[in-house]
């Protein structure tokens, strides 16, 4: 599903979108766009306003940190964010809703 133009997000910017009843945050980190579900796996807090340091996002509710590229906490142990594949096709950013369904089914 298209979520915006490929050039819309410049490095360091983020964008909150709503798709199929889900809240998703897109991040441009060093020219690469990454997407996560806007929900901390700890207690469901919104991550959209979290502090981003490089590729590590800090949850504004309790300070948990996650690598936006992988969804993992630094060190690879603990909770994981739901990451969403992003592709650029014909100048548009596309996210795959199928990955959200698969992640939800396995939870």
PDB file of N, CA and C in Angstrom:
ATOM      1  N   UNK A   1       0.840  -1.180   0.000  1.00  0.00           N
ATOM      2  CA  UNK A   1       0.000   0.000   0.000  1.00  0.00           C
ATOM      3  C   UNK A   1       0.886   1.245   0.000  1.00  0.00           C
ATOM      4  N   UNK A   2       0.563   2.223  -0.828  1.00  0.00           N
ATOM      5  CA  UNK A   2       1.333   3.462  -0.929  1.00  0.00           C
ATOM      6  C   UNK A   2       1.115   4.320   0.318  1.00  0.00           C
ATOM      7  N   UNK A   3       2.236   4.862   0.837  1.00  0.00           N
ATOM      8  CA  UNK A   3       2.165   5.705   2.038  1.00  0.00           C
ATOM      9  C   UNK A   3       2.790   7.081   1.824  1.00  0.00           C
ATOM     10  N   UNK A   4       3.197   7.368   0.588  1.00  0.00           N
ATOM     11  CA  UNK A   4       3.758   8.678   0.284  1.00  0.00           C
ATOM     12  C   UNK A   4       4.749   8.604  -0.856  1.00  0.00           C
ATOM     13  N   UNK A   5       5.235   9.783  -1.233  1.00  0.00           N
ATOM     14  CA  UNK A   5       6.226   9.881  -2.297  1.00  0.00           C
ATOM     15  C   UNK A   5       7.602   9.538  -1.749  1.00  0.00           C
ATOM     16  N   UNK A   6       8.427   8.928  -2.582  1.00  0.00           N
ATOM     17  CA  UNK A   6       9.757   8.492  -2.156  1.00  0.00           C
ATOM     18  C   UNK A   6      10.608   9.651  -1.658  1.00  0.00           C
ATOM     19  N   UNK A   7      10.482  10.835  -2.255  1.00  0.00           N
ATOM     20  CA  UNK A   7      11.290  11.977  -1.848  1.00  0.00           C
ATOM     21  C   UNK A   7      10.696  12.798  -0.721  1.00  0.00           C
ATOM     22  N   UNK A   8       9.560  12.367  -0.205  1.00  0.00           N
ATOM     23  CA  UNK A   8       8.847  13.132   0.822  1.00  0.00           C
ATOM     24  C   UNK A   8       9.608  13.197   2.149  1.00  0.00           C
ATOM     25  N   UNK A   9      10.255  12.104   2.522  1.00  0.00           N
ATOM     26  CA  UNK A   9      10.992  12.057   3.787  1.00  0.00           C
ATOM     27  C   UNK A   9      12.477  12.250   3.515  1.00  0.00           C
ATOM     28  N   UNK A  10      13.049  13.294   4.065  1.00  0.00           N
ATOM     29  CA  UNK A  10      14.485  13.499   3.942  1.00  0.00           C
ATOM     30  C   UNK A  10      15.167  12.841   5.136  1.00  0.00           C
ATOM     31  N   UNK A  11      16.462  12.568   5.047  1.00  0.00           N
ATOM     32  CA  UNK A  11      17.153  11.922   6.163  1.00  0.00           C
ATOM     33  C   UNK A  11      16.896  12.650   7.493  1.00  0.00           C
ATOM     34  N   UNK A  12      16.548  11.853   8.500  1.00  0.00           N
ATOM     35  CA  UNK A  12      16.249  12.384   9.826  1.00  0.00           C
ATOM     36  C   UNK A  12      14.779  12.650  10.071  1.00  0.00           C
ATOM     37  N   UNK A  13      13.960  12.598   9.021  1.00  0.00           N
ATOM     38  CA  UNK A  13      12.531  12.852   9.191  1.00  0.00           C
ATOM     39  C   UNK A  13      11.765  11.561   9.448  1.00  0.00           C
ATOM     40  N   UNK A  14      10.559  11.728   9.987  1.00  0.00           N
ATOM     41  CA  UNK A  14       9.643  10.604  10.223  1.00  0.00           C
ATOM     42  C   UNK A  14       8.248  11.014   9.817  1.00  0.00           C
ATOM     43  N   UNK A  15       7.401  10.011   9.624  1.00  0.00           N
ATOM     44  CA  UNK A  15       6.023  10.255   9.207  1.00  0.00           C
ATOM     45  C   UNK A  15       5.130   9.187   9.824  1.00  0.00           C
ATOM     46  N   UNK A  16       4.021   9.612  10.394  1.00  0.00           N
ATOM     47  CA  UNK A  16       3.032   8.709  10.971  1.00  0.00           C
ATOM     48  C   UNK A  16       1.920   8.509   9.949  1.00  0.00           C
ATOM     49  N   UNK A  17       1.585   7.246   9.664  1.00  0.00           N
ATOM     50  CA  UNK A  17       0.505   6.925   8.731  1.00  0.00           C
ATOM     51  C   UNK A  17      -0.418   5.892   9.369  1.00  0.00           C
ATOM     52  N   UNK A  18      -1.642   5.845   8.864  1.00  0.00           N
ATOM     53  CA  UNK A  18      -2.632   4.878   9.348  1.00  0.00           C
ATOM     54  C   UNK A  18      -3.096   4.040   8.169  1.00  0.00           C
ATOM     55  N   UNK A  19      -2.948   2.723   8.308  1.00  0.00           N
ATOM     56  CA  UNK A  19      -3.297   1.794   7.230  1.00  0.00           C
ATOM     57  C   UNK A  19      -4.064   0.621   7.826  1.00  0.00           C
ATOM     58  N   UNK A  20      -5.235   0.373   7.302  1.00  0.00           N
ATOM     59  CA  UNK A  20      -6.008  -0.786   7.734  1.00  0.00           C
ATOM     60  C   UNK A  20      -6.202  -0.855   9.232  1.00  0.00           C
ATOM     61  N   UNK A  21      -6.415   0.285   9.869  1.00  0.00           N
ATOM     62  CA  UNK A  21      -6.630   0.318  11.307  1.00  0.00           C
ATOM     63  C   UNK A  21      -5.358   0.249  12.139  1.00  0.00           C
ATOM     64  N   UNK A  22      -4.208   0.269  11.484  1.00  0.00           N
ATOM     65  CA  UNK A  22      -2.926   0.214  12.201  1.00  0.00           C
ATOM     66  C   UNK A  22      -2.185   1.532  12.041  1.00  0.00           C
ATOM     67  N   UNK A  23      -1.442   1.866  13.081  1.00  0.00           N
ATOM     68  CA  UNK A  23      -0.617   3.068  13.093  1.00  0.00           C
ATOM     69  C   UNK A  23       0.829   2.647  12.810  1.00  0.00           C
ATOM     70  N   UNK A  24       1.440   3.282  11.801  1.00  0.00           N
ATOM     71  CA  UNK A  24       2.784   2.921  11.353  1.00  0.00           C
ATOM     72  C   UNK A  24       3.636   4.189  11.304  1.00  0.00           C
ATOM     73  N   UNK A  25       4.893   4.069  11.732  1.00  0.00           N
ATOM     74  CA  UNK A  25       5.821   5.196  11.654  1.00  0.00           C
ATOM     75  C   UNK A  25       6.920   4.862  10.653  1.00  0.00           C
ATOM     76  N   UNK A  26       7.137   5.785   9.722  1.00  0.00           N
ATOM     77  CA  UNK A  26       8.214   5.665   8.741  1.00  0.00           C
ATOM     78  C   UNK A  26       9.363   6.570   9.188  1.00  0.00           C
ATOM     79  N   UNK A  27      10.582   6.093   9.078  1.00  0.00           N
ATOM     80  CA  UNK A  27      11.779   6.844   9.427  1.00  0.00           C
ATOM     81  C   UNK A  27      12.740   6.824   8.246  1.00  0.00           C
ATOM     82  N   UNK A  28      13.327   7.971   7.920  1.00  0.00           N
ATOM     83  CA  UNK A  28      14.399   8.009   6.937  1.00  0.00           C
ATOM     84  C   UNK A  28      15.697   8.108   7.728  1.00  0.00           C
ATOM     85  N   UNK A  29      16.477   7.039   7.686  1.00  0.00           N
ATOM     86  CA  UNK A  29      17.759   6.983   8.392  1.00  0.00           C
ATOM     87  C   UNK A  29      18.846   6.862   7.336  1.00  0.00           C
ATOM     88  N   UNK A  30      19.624   7.906   7.204  1.00  0.00           N
ATOM     89  CA  UNK A  30      20.729   7.938   6.233  1.00  0.00           C
ATOM     90  C   UNK A  30      20.273   7.581   4.817  1.00  0.00           C
ATOM     91  N   UNK A  31      19.087   8.070   4.430  1.00  0.00           N
ATOM     92  CA  UNK A  31      18.601   7.854   3.075  1.00  0.00           C
ATOM     93  C   UNK A  31      17.824   6.574   2.857  1.00  0.00           C
ATOM     94  N   UNK A  32      17.734   5.722   3.876  1.00  0.00           N
ATOM     95  CA  UNK A  32      16.956   4.482   3.787  1.00  0.00           C
ATOM     96  C   UNK A  32      15.688   4.637   4.631  1.00  0.00           C
ATOM     97  N   UNK A  33      14.536   4.290   4.059  1.00  0.00           N
ATOM     98  CA  UNK A  33      13.277   4.412   4.789  1.00  0.00           C
ATOM     99  C   UNK A  33      12.954   3.078   5.453  1.00  0.00           C
ATOM    100  N   UNK A  34      12.643   3.157   6.743  1.00  0.00           N
ATOM    101  CA  UNK A  34      12.281   1.994   7.552  1.00  0.00           C
ATOM    102  C   UNK A  34      10.909   2.260   8.159  1.00  0.00           C
ATOM    103  N   UNK A  35      10.156   1.209   8.421  1.00  0.00           N
ATOM    104  CA  UNK A  35       8.826   1.355   9.006  1.00  0.00           C
ATOM    105  C   UNK A  35       8.654   0.387  10.163  1.00  0.00           C
ATOM    106  N   UNK A  36       7.956   0.881  11.201  1.00  0.00           N
ATOM    107  CA  UNK A  36       7.629   0.057  12.360  1.00  0.00           C
ATOM    108  C   UNK A  36       6.166   0.285  12.726  1.00  0.00           C
ATOM    109  N   UNK A  37       5.592  -0.688  13.385  1.00  0.00           N
ATOM    110  CA  UNK A  37       4.262  -0.486  13.943  1.00  0.00           C
ATOM    111  C   UNK A  37       4.415   0.462  15.122  1.00  0.00           C
ATOM    112  N   UNK A  38       3.508   1.413  15.240  1.00  0.00           N
ATOM    113  CA  UNK A  38       3.600   2.476  16.242  1.00  0.00           C
ATOM    114  C   UNK A  38       3.090   2.004  17.601  1.00  0.00           C
ATOM    115  N   UNK A  39       3.705   0.954  18.118  1.00  0.00           N
ATOM    116  CA  UNK A  39       3.282   0.399  19.396  1.00  0.00           C
ATOM    117  C   UNK A  39       4.464  -0.276  20.076  1.00  0.00           C
ATOM    118  N   UNK A  40       4.816   0.193  21.244  1.00  0.00           N
ATOM    119  CA  UNK A  40       5.906  -0.430  21.990  1.00  0.00           C
ATOM    120  C   UNK A  40       5.457  -1.817  22.454  1.00  0.00           C
ATOM    121  N   UNK A  41       6.286  -2.839  22.259  1.00  0.00           N
ATOM    122  CA  UNK A  41       5.893  -4.186  22.676  1.00  0.00           C
ATOM    123  C   UNK A  41       5.804  -4.337  24.190  1.00  0.00           C
ATOM    124  N   UNK A  42       6.311  -3.381  24.942  1.00  0.00           N
ATOM    125  CA  UNK A  42       6.262  -3.450  26.402  1.00  0.00           C
ATOM    126  C   UNK A  42       4.856  -3.191  26.926  1.00  0.00           C
ATOM    127  N   UNK A  43       4.264  -2.030  26.500  1.00  0.00           N
ATOM    128  CA  UNK A  43       2.926  -1.714  27.017  1.00  0.00           C
ATOM    129  C   UNK A  43       2.039  -1.033  25.993  1.00  0.00           C
ATOM    130  N   UNK A  44       2.445  -1.022  24.724  1.00  0.00           N
ATOM    131  CA  UNK A  44       1.610  -0.460  23.666  1.00  0.00           C
ATOM    132  C   UNK A  44       1.721   1.037  23.481  1.00  0.00           C
ATOM    133  N   UNK A  45       2.653   1.695  24.158  1.00  0.00           N
ATOM    134  CA  UNK A  45       2.803   3.148  24.032  1.00  0.00           C
ATOM    135  C   UNK A  45       3.165   3.535  22.606  1.00  0.00           C
ATOM    136  N   UNK A  46       2.711   4.702  22.181  1.00  0.00           N
ATOM    137  CA  UNK A  46       3.058   5.230  20.865  1.00  0.00           C
ATOM    138  C   UNK A  46       4.547   5.532  20.806  1.00  0.00           C
ATOM    139  N   UNK A  47       5.178   5.132  19.712  1.00  0.00           N
ATOM    140  CA  UNK A  47       6.603   5.368  19.519  1.00  0.00           C
ATOM    141  C   UNK A  47       6.880   6.547  18.588  1.00  0.00           C
ATOM    142  N   UNK A  48       5.841   7.126  17.994  1.00  0.00           N
ATOM    143  CA  UNK A  48       6.003   8.157  16.969  1.00  0.00           C
ATOM    144  C   UNK A  48       6.812   9.357  17.444  1.00  0.00           C
ATOM    145  N   UNK A  49       6.724   9.699  18.708  1.00  0.00           N
ATOM    146  CA  UNK A  49       7.444  10.874  19.214  1.00  0.00           C
ATOM    147  C   UNK A  49       8.720  10.500  19.962  1.00  0.00           C
ATOM    148  N   UNK A  50       9.108   9.233  19.899  1.00  0.00           N
ATOM    149  CA  UNK A  50      10.310   8.795  20.601  1.00  0.00           C
ATOM    150  C   UNK A  50      11.565   9.453  20.068  1.00  0.00           C
ATOM    151  N   UNK A  51      12.560   9.594  20.921  1.00  0.00           N
ATOM    152  CA  UNK A  51      13.832  10.186  20.532  1.00  0.00           C
ATOM    153  C   UNK A  51      14.620   9.194  19.692  1.00  0.00           C
ATOM    154  N   UNK A  52      15.091   9.656  18.524  1.00  0.00           N
ATOM    155  CA  UNK A  52      15.865   8.815  17.624  1.00  0.00           C
ATOM    156  C   UNK A  52      17.324   9.241  17.686  1.00  0.00           C
ATOM    157  N   UNK A  53      18.190   8.295  18.038  1.00  0.00           N
ATOM    158  CA  UNK A  53      19.630   8.533  18.091  1.00  0.00           C
ATOM    159  C   UNK A  53      20.276   7.596  17.090  1.00  0.00           C
ATOM    160  N   UNK A  54      20.620   8.135  15.921  1.00  0.00           N
ATOM    161  CA  UNK A  54      21.113   7.278  14.846  1.00  0.00           C
ATOM    162  C   UNK A  54      19.976   6.404  14.363  1.00  0.00           C
ATOM    163  N   UNK A  55      20.078   5.104  14.589  1.00  0.00           N
ATOM    164  CA  UNK A  55      19.023   4.174  14.194  1.00  0.00           C
ATOM    165  C   UNK A  55      18.290   3.601  15.408  1.00  0.00           C
ATOM    166  N   UNK A  56      18.603   4.115  16.608  1.00  0.00           N
ATOM    167  CA  UNK A  56      17.997   3.595  17.832  1.00  0.00           C
ATOM    168  C   UNK A  56      16.917   4.553  18.329  1.00  0.00           C
ATOM    169  N   UNK A  57      15.713   4.016  18.478  1.00  0.00           N
ATOM    170  CA  UNK A  57      14.550   4.775  18.922  1.00  0.00           C
ATOM    171  C   UNK A  57      14.289   4.472  20.389  1.00  0.00           C
ATOM    172  N   UNK A  58      14.078   5.527  21.173  1.00  0.00           N
ATOM    173  CA  UNK A  58      13.780   5.377  22.596  1.00  0.00           C
ATOM    174  C   UNK A  58      12.282   5.572  22.806  1.00  0.00           C
ATOM    175  N   UNK A  59      11.634   4.600  23.434  1.00  0.00           N
ATOM    176  CA  UNK A  59      10.213   4.695  23.740  1.00  0.00           C
ATOM    177  C   UNK A  59       9.992   5.843  24.733  1.00  0.00           C
ATOM    178  N   UNK A  60       9.075   6.766  24.424  1.00  0.00           N
ATOM    179  CA  UNK A  60       8.856   7.890  25.324  1.00  0.00           C
ATOM    180  C   UNK A  60       8.201   7.501  26.656  1.00  0.00           C
ATOM    181  N   UNK A  61       7.597   6.323  26.731  1.00  0.00           N
ATOM    182  CA  UNK A  61       6.903   5.927  27.958  1.00  0.00           C
ATOM    183  C   UNK A  61       7.861   5.420  29.041  1.00  0.00           C
ATOM    184  N   UNK A  62       8.746   4.490  28.695  1.00  0.00           N
ATOM    185  CA  UNK A  62       9.610   3.884  29.709  1.00  0.00           C
ATOM    186  C   UNK A  62      11.079   3.842  29.331  1.00  0.00           C
ATOM    187  N   UNK A  63      11.439   4.426  28.177  1.00  0.00           N
ATOM    188  CA  UNK A  63      12.844   4.526  27.809  1.00  0.00           C
ATOM    189  C   UNK A  63      13.456   3.296  27.163  1.00  0.00           C
ATOM    190  N   UNK A  64      12.655   2.280  26.860  1.00  0.00           N
ATOM    191  CA  UNK A  64      13.216   1.118  26.168  1.00  0.00           C
ATOM    192  C   UNK A  64      13.740   1.559  24.809  1.00  0.00           C
ATOM    193  N   UNK A  65      14.815   0.919  24.352  1.00  0.00           N
ATOM    194  CA  UNK A  65      15.455   1.306  23.110  1.00  0.00           C
ATOM    195  C   UNK A  65      15.393   0.166  22.094  1.00  0.00           C
ATOM    196  N   UNK A  66      15.139   0.545  20.834  1.00  0.00           N
ATOM    197  CA  UNK A  66      15.000  -0.425  19.755  1.00  0.00           C
ATOM    198  C   UNK A  66      15.698   0.086  18.504  1.00  0.00           C
ATOM    199  N   UNK A  67      16.345  -0.808  17.779  1.00  0.00           N
ATOM    200  CA  UNK A  67      16.924  -0.481  16.485  1.00  0.00           C
ATOM    201  C   UNK A  67      15.781  -0.493  15.463  1.00  0.00           C
ATOM    202  N   UNK A  68      15.509   0.638  14.848  1.00  0.00           N
ATOM    203  CA  UNK A  68      14.401   0.759  13.904  1.00  0.00           C
ATOM    204  C   UNK A  68      14.600  -0.143  12.688  1.00  0.00           C
ATOM    205  N   UNK A  69      15.842  -0.416  12.330  1.00  0.00           N
ATOM    206  CA  UNK A  69      16.123  -1.243  11.147  1.00  0.00           C
ATOM    207  C   UNK A  69      15.757  -2.699  11.368  1.00  0.00           C
ATOM    208  N   UNK A  70      15.962  -3.210  12.574  1.00  0.00           N
ATOM    209  CA  UNK A  70      15.752  -4.633  12.851  1.00  0.00           C
ATOM    210  C   UNK A  70      14.585  -4.902  13.794  1.00  0.00           C
ATOM    211  N   UNK A  71      14.209  -3.896  14.584  1.00  0.00           N
ATOM    212  CA  UNK A  71      13.178  -4.058  15.596  1.00  0.00           C
ATOM    213  C   UNK A  71      13.708  -4.580  16.915  1.00  0.00           C
ATOM    214  N   UNK A  72      14.985  -4.935  16.951  1.00  0.00           N
ATOM    215  CA  UNK A  72      15.588  -5.538  18.150  1.00  0.00           C
ATOM    216  C   UNK A  72      16.089  -4.485  19.133  1.00  0.00           C
ATOM    217  N   UNK A  73      16.136  -4.879  20.378  1.00  0.00           N
ATOM    218  CA  UNK A  73      16.770  -4.056  21.401  1.00  0.00           C
ATOM    219  C   UNK A  73      18.283  -4.206  21.226  1.00  0.00           C
ATOM    220  N   UNK A  74      19.070  -3.154  21.543  1.00  0.00           N
ATOM    221  CA  UNK A  74      20.528  -3.293  21.467  1.00  0.00           C
ATOM    222  C   UNK A  74      20.974  -4.513  22.280  1.00  0.00           C
ATOM    223  N   UNK A  75      21.855  -5.310  21.709  1.00  0.00           N
ATOM    224  CA  UNK A  75      22.293  -6.542  22.348  1.00  0.00           C
ATOM    225  C   UNK A  75      21.530  -7.753  21.845  1.00  0.00           C
ATOM    226  N   UNK A  76      20.412  -7.519  21.125  1.00  0.00           N
ATOM    227  CA  UNK A  76      19.680  -8.608  20.508  1.00  0.00           C
ATOM    228  C   UNK A  76      18.776  -9.406  21.424  1.00  0.00           C
ATOM    229  N   UNK A  77      18.659  -9.020  22.692  1.00  0.00           N
ATOM    230  CA  UNK A  77      17.806  -9.764  23.621  1.00  0.00           C
ATOM    231  C   UNK A  77      16.625  -8.898  24.029  1.00  0.00           C
ATOM    232  N   UNK A  78      15.572  -9.514  24.467  1.00  0.00           N
ATOM    233  CA  UNK A  78      14.423  -8.770  24.963  1.00  0.00           C
ATOM    234  C   UNK A  78      13.307  -8.656  23.952  1.00  0.00           C
ATOM    235  N   UNK A  79      12.542  -7.597  24.083  1.00  0.00           N
ATOM    236  CA  UNK A  79      11.373  -7.362  23.251  1.00  0.00           C
ATOM    237  C   UNK A  79      11.775  -6.954  21.838  1.00  0.00           C
ATOM    238  N   UNK A  80      10.827  -7.102  20.908  1.00  0.00           N
ATOM    239  CA  UNK A  80      11.074  -6.741  19.499  1.00  0.00           C
ATOM    240  C   UNK A  80       9.920  -5.900  18.978  1.00  0.00           C
ATOM    241  N   UNK A  81      10.271  -4.860  18.204  1.00  0.00           N
ATOM    242  CA  UNK A  81       9.261  -4.090  17.492  1.00  0.00           C
ATOM    243  C   UNK A  81       8.787  -4.875  16.279  1.00  0.00           C
ATOM    244  N   UNK A  82       7.598  -4.549  15.819  1.00  0.00           N
ATOM    245  CA  UNK A  82       7.125  -5.098  14.558  1.00  0.00           C
ATOM    246  C   UNK A  82       7.634  -4.190  13.448  1.00  0.00           C
ATOM    247  N   UNK A  83       8.544  -4.708  12.627  1.00  0.00           N
ATOM    248  CA  UNK A  83       9.058  -3.950  11.491  1.00  0.00           C
ATOM    249  C   UNK A  83       8.233  -4.294  10.257  1.00  0.00           C
ATOM    250  N   UNK A  84       8.188  -3.349   9.330  1.00  0.00           N
ATOM    251  CA  UNK A  84       7.370  -3.498   8.138  1.00  0.00           C
ATOM    252  C   UNK A  84       8.237  -3.207   6.919  1.00  0.00           C
ATOM    253  N   UNK A  85       8.287  -4.120   5.953  1.00  0.00           N
ATOM    254  CA  UNK A  85       9.088  -3.876   4.757  1.00  0.00           C
ATOM    255  C   UNK A  85       8.594  -2.651   3.990  1.00  0.00           C
ATOM    256  N   UNK A  86       9.547  -1.844   3.505  1.00  0.00           N
ATOM    257  CA  UNK A  86       9.248  -0.657   2.699  1.00  0.00           C
ATOM    258  C   UNK A  86       9.976  -0.796   1.371  1.00  0.00           C
ATOM    259  N   UNK A  87       9.276  -0.530   0.290  1.00  0.00           N
ATOM    260  CA  UNK A  87       9.868  -0.540  -1.043  1.00  0.00           C
ATOM    261  C   UNK A  87       9.562   0.779  -1.734  1.00  0.00           C
ATOM    262  N   UNK A  88      10.431   1.154  -2.656  1.00  0.00           N
ATOM    263  CA  UNK A  88      10.169   2.301  -3.519  1.00  0.00           C
ATOM    264  C   UNK A  88       9.822   1.767  -4.895  1.00  0.00           C
ATOM    265  N   UNK A  89       8.612   2.094  -5.360  1.00  0.00           N
ATOM    266  CA  UNK A  89       8.144   1.641  -6.670  1.00  0.00           C
ATOM    267  C   UNK A  89       7.532   2.841  -7.396  1.00  0.00           C
ATOM    268  N   UNK A  90       8.054   3.132  -8.573  1.00  0.00           N
ATOM    269  CA  UNK A  90       7.547   4.243  -9.384  1.00  0.00           C
ATOM    270  C   UNK A  90       7.463   5.546  -8.599  1.00  0.00           C
ATOM    271  N   UNK A  91       8.462   5.803  -7.754  1.00  0.00           N
ATOM    272  CA  UNK A  91       8.520   7.053  -7.004  1.00  0.00           C
ATOM    273  C   UNK A  91       7.649   7.099  -5.764  1.00  0.00           C
ATOM    274  N   UNK A  92       7.039   5.979  -5.400  1.00  0.00           N
ATOM    275  CA  UNK A  92       6.177   5.917  -4.215  1.00  0.00           C
ATOM    276  C   UNK A  92       6.749   4.970  -3.172  1.00  0.00           C
ATOM    277  N   UNK A  93       6.535   5.295  -1.914  1.00  0.00           N
ATOM    278  CA  UNK A  93       6.887   4.394  -0.815  1.00  0.00           C
ATOM    279  C   UNK A  93       5.730   3.442  -0.598  1.00  0.00           C
ATOM    280  N   UNK A  94       6.037   2.142  -0.582  1.00  0.00           N
ATOM    281  CA  UNK A  94       5.014   1.120  -0.384  1.00  0.00           C
ATOM    282  C   UNK A  94       5.360   0.282   0.837  1.00  0.00           C
ATOM    283  N   UNK A  95       4.360  -0.018   1.653  1.00  0.00           N
ATOM    284  CA  UNK A  95       4.558  -0.928   2.781  1.00  0.00           C
ATOM    285  C   UNK A  95       3.708  -2.163   2.547  1.00  0.00           C
ATOM    286  N   UNK A  96       4.146  -3.274   3.132  1.00  0.00           N
ATOM    287  CA  UNK A  96       3.463  -4.549   2.951  1.00  0.00           C
ATOM    288  C   UNK A  96       2.590  -4.865   4.154  1.00  0.00           C
ATOM    289  N   UNK A  97       1.283  -4.825   3.967  1.00  0.00           N
ATOM    290  CA  UNK A  97       0.353  -5.170   5.052  1.00  0.00           C
ATOM    291  C   UNK A  97       0.378  -6.656   5.351  1.00  0.00           C
ATOM    292  N   UNK A  98       0.800  -7.469   4.387  1.00  0.00           N
ATOM    293  CA  UNK A  98       0.864  -8.908   4.614  1.00  0.00           C
ATOM    294  C   UNK A  98       1.811  -9.238   5.756  1.00  0.00           C
ATOM    295  N   UNK A  99       2.887  -8.472   5.898  1.00  0.00           N
ATOM    296  CA  UNK A  99       3.838  -8.745   6.977  1.00  0.00           C
ATOM    297  C   UNK A  99       3.211  -8.469   8.336  1.00  0.00           C
ATOM    298  N   UNK A 100       2.317  -7.487   8.405  1.00  0.00           N
ATOM    299  CA  UNK A 100       1.631  -7.210   9.667  1.00  0.00           C
ATOM    300  C   UNK A 100       0.710  -8.364  10.028  1.00  0.00           C
ATOM    301  N   UNK A 101      -0.011  -8.887   9.047  1.00  0.00           N
ATOM    302  CA  UNK A 101      -0.904 -10.015   9.309  1.00  0.00           C
ATOM    303  C   UNK A 101      -0.116 -11.241   9.759  1.00  0.00           C
ATOM    304  N   UNK A 102       1.014 -11.493   9.122  1.00  0.00           N
ATOM    305  CA  UNK A 102       1.840 -12.651   9.485  1.00  0.00           C
ATOM    306  C   UNK A 102       2.395 -12.488  10.888  1.00  0.00           C
ATOM    307  N   UNK A 103       2.858 -11.281  11.236  1.00  0.00           N
ATOM    308  CA  UNK A 103       3.393 -11.043  12.577  1.00  0.00           C
ATOM    309  C   UNK A 103       2.308 -11.181  13.631  1.00  0.00           C
ATOM    310  N   UNK A 104       1.098 -10.716  13.326  1.00  0.00           N
ATOM    311  CA  UNK A 104       0.005 -10.811  14.285  1.00  0.00           C
ATOM    312  C   UNK A 104      -0.416 -12.256  14.486  1.00  0.00           C
ATOM    313  N   UNK A 105      -0.406 -13.030  13.409  1.00  0.00           N
ATOM    314  CA  UNK A 105      -0.833 -14.427  13.494  1.00  0.00           C
ATOM    315  C   UNK A 105       0.130 -15.244  14.334  1.00  0.00           C
ATOM    316  N   UNK A 106       1.407 -14.875  14.293  1.00  0.00           N
ATOM    317  CA  UNK A 106       2.400 -15.630  15.031  1.00  0.00           C
ATOM    318  C   UNK A 106       2.517 -15.214  16.483  1.00  0.00           C
ATOM    319  N   UNK A 107       1.840 -14.151  16.858  1.00  0.00           N
ATOM    320  CA  UNK A 107       1.959 -13.642  18.230  1.00  0.00           C
ATOM    321  C   UNK A 107       1.102 -14.409  19.195  1.00  0.00           C
TER     322      UNK A 107
END
